[in-house]
């Protein structure tokens, strides 16, 4: 099982245990001209129908990961996402917030 899948299961358990409503591997649809893709993408975790969590376990966060999360936010009409990289010494250093097209 890939590391990201393990972290997804553990984080999902903790979020549910905290009483939060979550959706795991939630399909995100998209429309382009006359083509509609019902499951174009999958968000790792959506919390309380507001926050998208994109989980990674990589040595370095690539700009494409920010673009991936931003695409999910735009297509699903959500404003807030967290890009979480578990491959850091301190987890807090691996969390990046993406809001309305900006990264903090």
N, C-alpha and C. Protein backbone atom coordinates (compact mmCIF):
# COMPACT_ATOMS: atom_id res chain seq x y z
N UNK A 1 0.85 -1.18 0.00
CA UNK A 1 0.00 0.00 0.00
C UNK A 1 0.90 1.24 0.00
N UNK A 2 0.70 2.17 -0.93
CA UNK A 2 1.51 3.38 -0.97
C UNK A 2 1.35 4.20 0.31
N UNK A 3 2.38 4.93 0.68
CA UNK A 3 2.35 5.73 1.91
C UNK A 3 1.18 6.69 1.95
N UNK A 4 0.87 7.34 0.85
CA UNK A 4 -0.22 8.31 0.83
C UNK A 4 -1.55 7.65 1.20
N UNK A 5 -1.74 6.41 0.77
CA UNK A 5 -2.97 5.68 1.10
C UNK A 5 -3.06 5.40 2.60
N UNK A 6 -1.93 5.06 3.19
CA UNK A 6 -1.90 4.81 4.63
C UNK A 6 -2.22 6.09 5.39
N UNK A 7 -1.58 7.19 5.00
CA UNK A 7 -1.84 8.46 5.66
C UNK A 7 -3.29 8.89 5.48
N UNK A 8 -3.86 8.62 4.31
CA UNK A 8 -5.26 8.95 4.06
C UNK A 8 -6.18 8.19 5.01
N UNK A 9 -5.91 6.92 5.20
CA UNK A 9 -6.74 6.12 6.11
C UNK A 9 -6.62 6.59 7.55
N UNK A 10 -5.40 6.88 7.99
CA UNK A 10 -5.19 7.34 9.36
C UNK A 10 -5.84 8.71 9.58
N UNK A 11 -5.60 9.64 8.67
CA UNK A 11 -6.17 10.98 8.81
C UNK A 11 -7.70 10.93 8.74
N UNK A 12 -8.24 10.11 7.86
CA UNK A 12 -9.70 9.95 7.77
C UNK A 12 -10.27 9.45 9.08
N UNK A 13 -9.61 8.48 9.67
CA UNK A 13 -10.06 7.94 10.95
C UNK A 13 -10.06 9.04 12.01
N UNK A 14 -8.97 9.81 12.08
CA UNK A 14 -8.86 10.87 13.09
C UNK A 14 -9.91 11.96 12.88
N UNK A 15 -10.16 12.33 11.65
CA UNK A 15 -11.17 13.36 11.37
C UNK A 15 -12.57 12.88 11.75
N UNK A 16 -12.89 11.63 11.40
CA UNK A 16 -14.19 11.07 11.77
C UNK A 16 -14.31 10.98 13.29
N UNK A 17 -13.23 10.55 13.94
CA UNK A 17 -13.22 10.42 15.39
C UNK A 17 -13.44 11.77 16.08
N UNK A 18 -13.03 12.84 15.40
CA UNK A 18 -13.22 14.20 15.93
C UNK A 18 -14.64 14.71 15.65
N UNK A 19 -15.45 13.88 14.98
CA UNK A 19 -16.84 14.26 14.72
C UNK A 19 -17.05 15.04 13.44
N UNK A 20 -16.07 15.07 12.58
CA UNK A 20 -16.19 15.80 11.33
C UNK A 20 -16.76 14.92 10.22
N UNK A 21 -17.53 15.54 9.34
CA UNK A 21 -18.07 14.84 8.16
C UNK A 21 -17.00 14.89 7.07
N UNK A 22 -16.64 13.72 6.56
CA UNK A 22 -15.63 13.68 5.50
C UNK A 22 -16.09 12.81 4.34
N UNK A 23 -15.53 13.11 3.19
CA UNK A 23 -15.72 12.28 2.00
C UNK A 23 -14.32 11.92 1.51
N UNK A 24 -14.12 10.64 1.22
CA UNK A 24 -12.81 10.13 0.81
C UNK A 24 -12.85 9.79 -0.67
N UNK A 25 -11.80 10.20 -1.39
CA UNK A 25 -11.69 9.95 -2.83
C UNK A 25 -12.95 10.40 -3.56
N UNK A 26 -13.35 11.62 -3.26
CA UNK A 26 -14.58 12.21 -3.82
C UNK A 26 -14.37 12.58 -5.29
N UNK A 27 -15.18 12.06 -6.19
CA UNK A 27 -15.06 12.43 -7.61
C UNK A 27 -15.39 13.92 -7.83
N UNK A 28 -14.63 14.53 -8.73
CA UNK A 28 -14.87 15.91 -9.12
C UNK A 28 -15.10 15.91 -10.63
N UNK A 29 -16.24 16.45 -11.03
CA UNK A 29 -16.59 16.45 -12.45
C UNK A 29 -16.08 17.72 -13.13
N UNK A 30 -16.06 17.67 -14.44
CA UNK A 30 -15.69 18.85 -15.21
C UNK A 30 -16.38 18.84 -16.55
N UNK A 31 -16.60 20.04 -17.10
CA UNK A 31 -17.22 20.18 -18.40
C UNK A 31 -16.30 21.01 -19.29
N UNK A 32 -16.11 20.55 -20.50
CA UNK A 32 -15.32 21.28 -21.48
C UNK A 32 -16.07 21.23 -22.79
N UNK A 33 -16.54 22.39 -23.21
CA UNK A 33 -17.38 22.49 -24.40
C UNK A 33 -18.59 21.58 -24.24
N UNK A 34 -18.74 20.57 -25.09
CA UNK A 34 -19.88 19.66 -25.00
C UNK A 34 -19.53 18.34 -24.31
N UNK A 35 -18.35 18.27 -23.74
CA UNK A 35 -17.91 17.05 -23.07
C UNK A 35 -18.06 17.21 -21.57
N UNK A 36 -18.76 16.27 -20.94
CA UNK A 36 -18.92 16.27 -19.49
C UNK A 36 -18.26 15.02 -18.94
N UNK A 37 -17.30 15.20 -18.04
CA UNK A 37 -16.63 14.08 -17.38
C UNK A 37 -17.10 14.02 -15.94
N UNK A 38 -17.85 13.00 -15.62
CA UNK A 38 -18.44 12.87 -14.29
C UNK A 38 -17.38 12.65 -13.22
N UNK A 39 -16.33 11.94 -13.53
CA UNK A 39 -15.26 11.67 -12.57
C UNK A 39 -13.91 12.03 -13.18
N UNK A 40 -13.75 13.31 -13.49
CA UNK A 40 -12.50 13.76 -14.11
C UNK A 40 -11.33 13.67 -13.14
N UNK A 41 -11.59 13.99 -11.87
CA UNK A 41 -10.55 13.97 -10.83
C UNK A 41 -11.12 13.37 -9.56
N UNK A 42 -10.24 13.13 -8.59
CA UNK A 42 -10.67 12.65 -7.27
C UNK A 42 -9.92 13.42 -6.19
N UNK A 43 -10.67 14.05 -5.32
CA UNK A 43 -10.08 14.74 -4.17
C UNK A 43 -9.80 13.70 -3.09
N UNK A 44 -8.63 13.77 -2.49
CA UNK A 44 -8.28 12.78 -1.46
C UNK A 44 -9.30 12.78 -0.33
N UNK A 45 -9.48 13.94 0.31
CA UNK A 45 -10.44 14.06 1.42
C UNK A 45 -11.11 15.43 1.33
N UNK A 46 -12.43 15.44 1.49
CA UNK A 46 -13.16 16.71 1.63
C UNK A 46 -13.77 16.73 3.02
N UNK A 47 -13.48 17.80 3.75
CA UNK A 47 -13.92 17.93 5.15
C UNK A 47 -15.07 18.92 5.23
N UNK A 48 -16.18 18.47 5.83
CA UNK A 48 -17.35 19.32 6.07
C UNK A 48 -17.84 20.01 4.80
N UNK A 49 -17.63 19.39 3.65
CA UNK A 49 -18.05 19.90 2.35
C UNK A 49 -17.46 21.28 2.03
N UNK A 50 -16.33 21.62 2.70
CA UNK A 50 -15.71 22.94 2.52
C UNK A 50 -14.23 22.87 2.18
N UNK A 51 -13.52 22.00 2.83
CA UNK A 51 -12.06 21.98 2.77
C UNK A 51 -11.58 20.74 2.01
N UNK A 52 -10.72 20.95 1.01
CA UNK A 52 -10.14 19.83 0.27
C UNK A 52 -8.74 19.58 0.80
N UNK A 53 -8.47 18.34 1.16
CA UNK A 53 -7.14 17.93 1.59
C UNK A 53 -6.50 17.11 0.48
N UNK A 54 -5.35 17.56 0.02
CA UNK A 54 -4.58 16.82 -0.98
C UNK A 54 -3.34 16.30 -0.28
N UNK A 55 -3.22 14.98 -0.21
CA UNK A 55 -2.16 14.35 0.56
C UNK A 55 -1.02 13.88 -0.32
N UNK A 56 0.19 14.15 0.15
CA UNK A 56 1.39 13.73 -0.55
C UNK A 56 2.39 13.17 0.45
N UNK A 57 3.32 12.38 -0.05
CA UNK A 57 4.47 11.92 0.73
C UNK A 57 5.65 11.92 -0.23
N UNK A 58 6.19 13.11 -0.45
CA UNK A 58 7.24 13.31 -1.44
C UNK A 58 8.39 14.10 -0.81
N UNK A 59 9.57 13.99 -1.42
CA UNK A 59 10.73 14.70 -0.87
C UNK A 59 10.63 16.20 -1.09
N UNK A 60 9.94 16.61 -2.15
CA UNK A 60 9.79 18.04 -2.43
C UNK A 60 8.43 18.30 -3.09
N UNK A 61 7.78 19.37 -2.65
CA UNK A 61 6.49 19.74 -3.22
C UNK A 61 6.72 20.44 -4.56
N UNK A 62 6.16 19.87 -5.59
CA UNK A 62 6.28 20.43 -6.94
C UNK A 62 5.16 21.44 -7.17
N UNK A 63 5.41 22.48 -7.97
CA UNK A 63 4.36 23.44 -8.29
C UNK A 63 3.11 22.79 -8.91
N UNK A 64 3.28 21.65 -9.56
CA UNK A 64 2.13 20.98 -10.17
C UNK A 64 1.12 20.53 -9.10
N UNK A 65 1.58 20.24 -7.88
CA UNK A 65 0.67 19.83 -6.82
C UNK A 65 -0.24 20.99 -6.40
N UNK A 66 0.31 22.22 -6.38
CA UNK A 66 -0.51 23.39 -6.08
C UNK A 66 -1.56 23.58 -7.18
N UNK A 67 -1.13 23.42 -8.42
CA UNK A 67 -2.06 23.57 -9.54
C UNK A 67 -3.14 22.50 -9.50
N UNK A 68 -2.78 21.29 -9.12
CA UNK A 68 -3.74 20.20 -9.00
C UNK A 68 -4.81 20.56 -7.97
N UNK A 69 -4.38 21.00 -6.80
CA UNK A 69 -5.34 21.37 -5.75
C UNK A 69 -6.18 22.56 -6.17
N UNK A 70 -5.57 23.54 -6.80
CA UNK A 70 -6.31 24.71 -7.27
C UNK A 70 -7.38 24.31 -8.29
N UNK A 71 -7.05 23.37 -9.17
CA UNK A 71 -8.03 22.86 -10.14
C UNK A 71 -9.21 22.23 -9.42
N UNK A 72 -8.94 21.41 -8.41
CA UNK A 72 -10.01 20.79 -7.63
C UNK A 72 -10.90 21.85 -6.98
N UNK A 73 -10.27 22.89 -6.42
CA UNK A 73 -11.03 23.95 -5.76
C UNK A 73 -11.93 24.68 -6.76
N UNK A 74 -11.37 25.01 -7.91
CA UNK A 74 -12.15 25.74 -8.91
C UNK A 74 -13.31 24.91 -9.44
N UNK A 75 -13.04 23.66 -9.79
CA UNK A 75 -14.09 22.81 -10.36
C UNK A 75 -15.20 22.48 -9.37
N UNK A 76 -14.86 22.43 -8.10
CA UNK A 76 -15.86 22.07 -7.09
C UNK A 76 -16.45 23.29 -6.38
N UNK A 77 -16.05 24.49 -6.82
CA UNK A 77 -16.55 25.73 -6.22
C UNK A 77 -16.29 25.81 -4.72
N UNK A 78 -15.09 25.39 -4.34
CA UNK A 78 -14.68 25.52 -2.94
C UNK A 78 -13.54 26.53 -2.86
N UNK A 79 -13.36 27.14 -1.68
CA UNK A 79 -12.37 28.21 -1.56
C UNK A 79 -11.10 27.80 -0.85
N UNK A 80 -11.13 26.74 -0.07
CA UNK A 80 -9.98 26.43 0.78
C UNK A 80 -9.49 25.01 0.58
N UNK A 81 -8.17 24.89 0.46
CA UNK A 81 -7.56 23.57 0.36
C UNK A 81 -6.25 23.54 1.13
N UNK A 82 -5.90 22.35 1.61
CA UNK A 82 -4.62 22.15 2.27
C UNK A 82 -3.84 21.09 1.50
N UNK A 83 -2.63 21.43 1.12
CA UNK A 83 -1.71 20.49 0.52
C UNK A 83 -0.82 20.00 1.66
N UNK A 84 -0.93 18.72 1.97
CA UNK A 84 -0.23 18.17 3.14
C UNK A 84 0.81 17.16 2.67
N UNK A 85 2.07 17.47 2.96
CA UNK A 85 3.17 16.55 2.64
C UNK A 85 3.63 15.89 3.93
N UNK A 86 3.43 14.59 4.03
CA UNK A 86 3.80 13.85 5.23
C UNK A 86 5.29 13.53 5.29
N UNK A 87 6.02 13.77 4.22
CA UNK A 87 7.44 13.45 4.18
C UNK A 87 8.27 14.65 4.65
N UNK A 88 8.01 15.09 5.88
CA UNK A 88 8.76 16.19 6.48
C UNK A 88 9.10 15.82 7.91
N UNK A 89 10.15 16.46 8.44
CA UNK A 89 10.52 16.19 9.82
C UNK A 89 9.42 16.59 10.79
N UNK A 90 8.88 17.79 10.56
CA UNK A 90 7.75 18.28 11.34
C UNK A 90 6.57 18.45 10.40
N UNK A 91 5.44 17.81 10.73
CA UNK A 91 4.28 17.86 9.83
C UNK A 91 3.84 19.29 9.54
N UNK A 92 3.93 20.18 10.54
CA UNK A 92 3.49 21.57 10.33
C UNK A 92 4.26 22.24 9.19
N UNK A 93 5.48 21.79 8.92
CA UNK A 93 6.27 22.35 7.82
C UNK A 93 5.82 21.81 6.46
N UNK A 94 5.02 20.77 6.48
CA UNK A 94 4.55 20.16 5.23
C UNK A 94 3.15 20.56 4.84
N UNK A 95 2.56 21.52 5.55
CA UNK A 95 1.18 21.93 5.28
C UNK A 95 1.18 23.29 4.59
N UNK A 96 0.59 23.34 3.41
CA UNK A 96 0.47 24.58 2.64
C UNK A 96 -1.01 24.83 2.36
N UNK A 97 -1.43 26.06 2.57
CA UNK A 97 -2.82 26.43 2.37
C UNK A 97 -2.98 27.06 0.99
N UNK A 98 -4.03 26.67 0.27
CA UNK A 98 -4.33 27.23 -1.04
C UNK A 98 -5.73 27.85 -0.95
N UNK A 99 -5.80 29.15 -1.24
CA UNK A 99 -7.07 29.88 -1.15
C UNK A 99 -7.25 30.71 -2.41
N UNK A 100 -8.37 30.55 -3.07
CA UNK A 100 -8.71 31.40 -4.22
C UNK A 100 -7.54 31.67 -5.15
N UNK A 101 -6.74 30.68 -5.38
CA UNK A 101 -5.64 30.81 -6.32
C UNK A 101 -4.35 31.32 -5.74
N UNK A 102 -4.29 31.50 -4.40
CA UNK A 102 -3.04 31.92 -3.78
C UNK A 102 -2.53 30.82 -2.86
N UNK A 103 -1.25 30.80 -2.62
CA UNK A 103 -0.64 29.80 -1.74
C UNK A 103 -0.04 30.54 -0.56
N UNK A 104 -0.28 30.05 0.65
CA UNK A 104 0.31 30.66 1.85
C UNK A 104 1.24 29.68 2.51
